Amino acid sequence: MLSVVFTADEIRELQHGRFHYPEPQVQRKYEVLWLKSHGLQHVEIARLAGISPRTVQRILNQFLTGGLESIQKNHHQGQPSKLNAHAESLKASFEKQPPATISEAMHRIEELTGIRRSESQVRAFLKRLGMRRLKLGGVPGKVDQAKQQEQREFLENRLNPALDAAERGERKIFS
């Protein structure tokens, strides 16, 4: 194993960066280097950081070749979605007949492509396609029969007679 020597400035930067750097993956790299600066063995560092000893070695090699600047670069990009290959056909299908819910979109994607995804992944995929959710208005509640009868009586017994009297000039209406 290579011997890694840290300057006092690097140790201070590691101490700060392992808690305050904005990206969690870079914070973990800082933690590994900070533990190494305290003389711990790779197996112990891996156990404390929750990573494999090989990952510890990779982080140390990255530090040795490029310093702390190379550690701050996050090269993790993830894998492209398998749904990307079906993006055009799915978009055309959804534009022709928009799904009412994310659950419906999930089922249609599975029917059309054979690929099953969670609601959050389907929501993110639809957003990448440029589709957005439309918010619908509320559905009126059930009619209260007693209130409806009360309103009918008010209309027939009080309002309509008052309007008729106003038409005949017997009464004035102010708005």
Protein backbone atom coordinates (compact mmCIF):
# COMPACT_ATOMS: atom_id res chain seq x y z
CA MET A 1 0.00 0.00 0.00
CA LEU A 2 1.10 3.50 -0.77
CA SER A 3 1.87 5.91 2.00
CA VAL A 4 -0.39 8.94 1.96
CA VAL A 5 0.80 12.16 3.58
CA PHE A 6 -1.62 14.99 4.31
CA THR A 7 -0.69 18.61 4.96
CA ALA A 8 -2.22 20.48 7.90
CA ASP A 9 -4.30 22.57 5.45
CA GLU A 10 -5.63 19.44 3.74
CA ILE A 11 -6.60 17.91 7.10
CA ARG A 12 -8.48 21.11 8.03
CA GLU A 13 -10.27 21.07 4.66
CA LEU A 14 -11.13 17.38 5.11
CA GLN A 15 -12.47 18.04 8.61
CA HIS A 16 -14.75 20.80 7.29
CA GLY A 17 -15.72 19.17 3.98
CA ARG A 18 -16.83 15.85 5.45
CA PHE A 19 -19.79 17.64 7.06
CA HIS A 20 -20.28 20.79 4.99
CA TYR A 21 -19.58 19.91 1.35
CA PRO A 22 -22.88 20.19 -0.60
CA GLU A 23 -22.73 16.71 -2.21
CA PRO A 24 -23.10 13.66 0.07
CA GLN A 25 -20.92 11.42 -2.13
CA VAL A 26 -18.06 13.91 -1.91
CA GLN A 27 -18.61 14.18 1.85
CA ARG A 28 -18.09 10.41 2.07
CA LYS A 29 -14.81 10.72 0.15
CA TYR A 30 -13.69 13.47 2.53
CA GLU A 31 -14.58 11.20 5.46
CA VAL A 32 -12.45 8.37 4.03
CA LEU A 33 -9.49 10.68 3.56
CA TRP A 34 -9.96 12.20 7.02
CA LEU A 35 -9.94 8.73 8.58
CA LYS A 36 -6.82 7.85 6.57
CA SER A 37 -5.14 11.04 7.80
CA HIS A 38 -5.58 9.65 11.32
CA GLY A 39 -3.65 6.50 10.44
CA LEU A 40 -6.49 3.97 10.26
CA GLN A 41 -6.16 0.81 8.18
CA HIS A 42 -8.20 0.45 4.97
CA VAL A 43 -10.37 -2.32 6.42
CA GLU A 44 -11.26 -0.17 9.43
CA ILE A 45 -11.95 2.88 7.22
CA ALA A 46 -14.22 0.75 5.00
CA ARG A 47 -16.12 -0.52 8.04
CA LEU A 48 -16.59 2.96 9.53
CA ALA A 49 -17.57 4.56 6.19
CA GLY A 50 -19.85 1.69 5.16
CA ILE A 51 -18.01 1.02 1.89
CA SER A 52 -15.75 -1.71 0.52
CA PRO A 53 -11.96 -1.71 1.05
CA ARG A 54 -11.58 -1.51 -2.75
CA THR A 55 -13.59 1.75 -2.75
CA VAL A 56 -11.29 3.10 -0.04
CA GLN A 57 -8.32 2.32 -2.28
CA ARG A 58 -10.00 3.97 -5.29
CA ILE A 59 -10.62 7.16 -3.29
CA LEU A 60 -7.00 7.21 -2.08
CA ASN A 61 -5.71 6.67 -5.63
CA GLN A 62 -7.92 9.51 -6.86
CA PHE A 63 -6.50 11.78 -4.12
CA LEU A 64 -2.90 10.76 -4.90
CA THR A 65 -3.28 11.49 -8.62
CA GLY A 66 -5.34 14.69 -8.48
CA GLY A 67 -5.43 16.00 -4.91
CA LEU A 68 -8.54 17.33 -3.19
CA GLU A 69 -9.74 18.99 -6.42
CA SER A 70 -10.21 15.58 -8.05
CA ILE A 71 -12.09 14.32 -4.98
CA GLN A 72 -14.62 17.13 -5.37
CA LYS A 73 -15.56 15.98 -8.87
CA ASN A 74 -18.52 13.66 -8.72
CA HIS A 75 -18.31 11.27 -11.68
CA HIS A 76 -21.39 9.25 -10.75
CA GLN A 77 -23.97 9.52 -13.55
CA GLY A 78 -26.20 6.52 -12.96
CA GLN A 79 -27.68 4.37 -15.71
CA PRO A 80 -29.94 5.64 -18.47
CA SER A 81 -33.57 4.59 -18.14
CA LYS A 82 -34.76 1.65 -20.26
CA LEU A 83 -37.89 3.72 -20.91
CA ASN A 84 -35.84 6.17 -23.01
CA ALA A 85 -35.92 3.70 -25.92
CA HIS A 86 -39.74 3.90 -25.87
CA ALA A 87 -40.01 7.65 -25.20
CA GLU A 88 -41.49 8.68 -28.56
CA SER A 89 -44.13 5.95 -28.72
CA LEU A 90 -45.14 6.50 -25.08
CA LYS A 91 -45.38 10.25 -25.57
CA ALA A 92 -47.56 9.80 -28.65
CA SER A 93 -49.80 7.37 -26.78
CA PHE A 94 -50.15 9.70 -23.79
CA GLU A 95 -50.84 12.73 -25.98
CA LYS A 96 -53.54 10.80 -27.84
CA GLN A 97 -55.16 9.55 -24.63
CA PRO A 98 -53.74 11.24 -21.49
CA PRO A 99 -53.69 9.09 -18.36
CA ALA A 100 -55.92 10.32 -15.55
CA THR A 101 -53.50 9.20 -12.81
CA ILE A 102 -49.88 8.19 -12.38
CA SER A 103 -51.12 4.71 -11.55
CA GLU A 104 -52.86 4.53 -14.93
CA ALA A 105 -49.67 5.75 -16.62
CA MET A 106 -47.72 3.01 -14.81
CA HIS A 107 -50.07 0.31 -16.09
CA ARG A 108 -50.07 1.64 -19.65
CA ILE A 109 -46.27 1.84 -19.71
CA GLU A 110 -46.10 -1.76 -18.52
CA GLU A 111 -48.65 -2.86 -21.16
CA LEU A 112 -46.89 -1.05 -23.99
CA THR A 113 -43.25 -1.80 -23.09
CA GLY A 114 -43.24 -4.64 -20.57
CA ILE A 115 -41.20 -2.39 -18.23
CA ARG A 116 -42.54 -1.94 -14.70
CA ARG A 117 -41.59 1.23 -12.81
CA SER A 118 -42.64 2.82 -9.52
CA GLU A 119 -44.90 5.88 -9.35
CA SER A 120 -41.99 8.22 -8.61
CA GLN A 121 -39.99 6.90 -11.58
CA VAL A 122 -43.00 7.21 -13.91
CA ARG A 123 -43.65 10.74 -12.65
CA ALA A 124 -40.00 11.70 -13.34
CA PHE A 125 -40.11 10.04 -16.78
CA LEU A 126 -43.28 11.92 -17.78
CA LYS A 127 -41.69 15.16 -16.62
CA ARG A 128 -38.62 14.43 -18.80
CA LEU A 129 -41.02 13.93 -21.73
CA GLY A 130 -42.33 17.45 -21.11
CA MET A 131 -45.69 16.29 -19.85
CA ARG A 132 -47.28 17.82 -16.79
CA ARG A 133 -50.11 16.98 -14.48
CA LEU A 134 -53.30 18.95 -14.87
CA LYS A 135 -55.09 19.84 -11.68
CA LEU A 136 -58.81 19.31 -11.82
CA GLY A 137 -61.50 21.22 -9.97
CA GLY A 138 -63.27 19.80 -6.97
CA VAL A 139 -66.31 17.60 -7.19
CA PRO A 140 -69.39 19.06 -5.49
CA GLY A 141 -70.55 17.26 -2.38
CA LYS A 142 -73.80 15.39 -2.03
CA VAL A 143 -76.98 17.43 -1.96
CA ASP A 144 -78.53 17.87 1.45
CA GLN A 145 -82.23 17.20 0.82
CA ALA A 146 -83.37 19.24 3.85
CA LYS A 147 -81.39 22.32 2.74
CA GLN A 148 -82.60 21.91 -0.82
CA GLN A 149 -86.23 21.87 0.41
CA GLU A 150 -85.55 24.92 2.58
CA GLN A 151 -84.14 26.80 -0.43
CA ARG A 152 -87.12 25.80 -2.58
CA GLU A 153 -89.54 27.11 0.06
CA PHE A 154 -87.62 30.39 0.36
CA LEU A 155 -87.71 30.82 -3.42
CA GLU A 156 -91.44 30.07 -3.72
CA ASN A 157 -92.71 31.79 -0.56
CA ARG A 158 -90.45 34.81 -0.15
CA LEU A 159 -88.24 35.68 -3.12
CA ASN A 160 -90.59 35.11 -6.05
CA PRO A 161 -93.49 37.03 -4.39
CA ALA A 162 -91.13 39.93 -3.61
CA LEU A 163 -89.88 40.01 -7.23
CA ASP A 164 -93.46 39.90 -8.54
CA ALA A 165 -94.42 42.81 -6.24
CA ALA A 166 -91.42 44.78 -7.54
CA GLU A 167 -92.50 44.21 -11.14
CA ARG A 168 -95.96 45.55 -10.31
CA GLY A 169 -94.35 48.63 -8.71
CA GLU A 170 -95.50 47.76 -5.22
CA ARG A 171 -91.98 47.21 -3.94
CA LYS A 172 -88.40 48.37 -4.70
CA ILE A 173 -85.36 46.11 -5.01
CA PHE A 174 -81.87 47.34 -4.26
CA SER A 175 -78.81 45.52 -5.41
